[in-house]
Amino acid sequence: MTYAADRLWEEAAYVSYYLHWQLDSVLDLEHPVRQKVIEEIGRIHRAQAGD
């Protein structure tokens, strides 16, 4: 199964924006690792917002 290109770019932009990582570094992550990083960014935001 191929991961949708639009979704990949959305994830890469999200991680790059919030963690200030280079795009190449984000794109080099394996999908499960990238998903975990995205989950952790969301968890941090929820904790900061008090949700």
Protein backbone atom coordinates (compact mmCIF):
# COMPACT_ATOMS: atom_id res chain seq x y z
CA MET A 1 0.00 0.00 0.00
CA THR A 2 1.29 3.43 -0.92
CA TYR A 3 0.99 6.28 1.52
CA ALA A 4 -0.85 9.23 -0.04
CA ALA A 5 1.55 11.96 -1.13
CA ASP A 6 -0.73 14.71 0.20
CA ARG A 7 -0.82 13.10 3.64
CA LEU A 8 2.96 12.68 3.65
CA TRP A 9 3.45 16.37 2.87
CA GLU A 10 0.94 17.32 5.56
CA GLU A 11 2.83 15.28 8.14
CA ALA A 12 6.21 16.60 7.00
CA ALA A 13 5.01 20.19 7.19
CA TYR A 14 3.54 19.64 10.67
CA VAL A 15 6.73 18.15 12.10
CA SER A 16 8.98 20.65 10.31
CA TYR A 17 6.92 23.58 11.56
CA TYR A 18 6.63 22.55 15.20
CA LEU A 19 10.07 21.04 15.73
CA HIS A 20 12.00 23.17 13.22
CA TRP A 21 13.43 20.06 11.59
CA GLN A 22 14.74 20.10 8.05
CA LEU A 23 12.33 18.63 5.52
CA ASP A 24 14.84 15.98 4.46
CA SER A 25 15.14 14.77 8.06
CA VAL A 26 11.38 14.43 8.39
CA LEU A 27 11.00 12.64 5.06
CA ASP A 28 13.76 10.20 6.03
CA LEU A 29 11.76 8.98 9.04
CA GLU A 30 10.02 5.65 8.72
CA HIS A 31 6.24 6.02 8.74
CA PRO A 32 5.69 4.54 12.24
CA VAL A 33 8.37 6.81 13.71
CA ARG A 34 6.94 9.88 11.97
CA GLN A 35 3.47 8.97 13.28
CA LYS A 36 4.84 8.67 16.83
CA VAL A 37 6.51 12.08 16.57
CA ILE A 38 3.22 13.58 15.36
CA GLU A 39 1.34 11.94 18.25
CA GLU A 40 3.83 13.35 20.74
CA ILE A 41 3.57 16.86 19.30
CA GLY A 42 -0.22 16.63 19.69
CA ARG A 43 0.12 15.30 23.24
CA ILE A 44 2.39 18.19 24.20
CA HIS A 45 -0.04 20.71 22.72
CA ARG A 46 -2.99 19.18 24.58
CA ALA A 47 -1.03 19.21 27.84
CA GLN A 48 -0.07 22.84 27.38
CA ALA A 49 -3.68 23.76 26.60
CA GLY A 50 -4.85 21.89 29.71
CA ASP A 51 -7.02 19.44 27.74
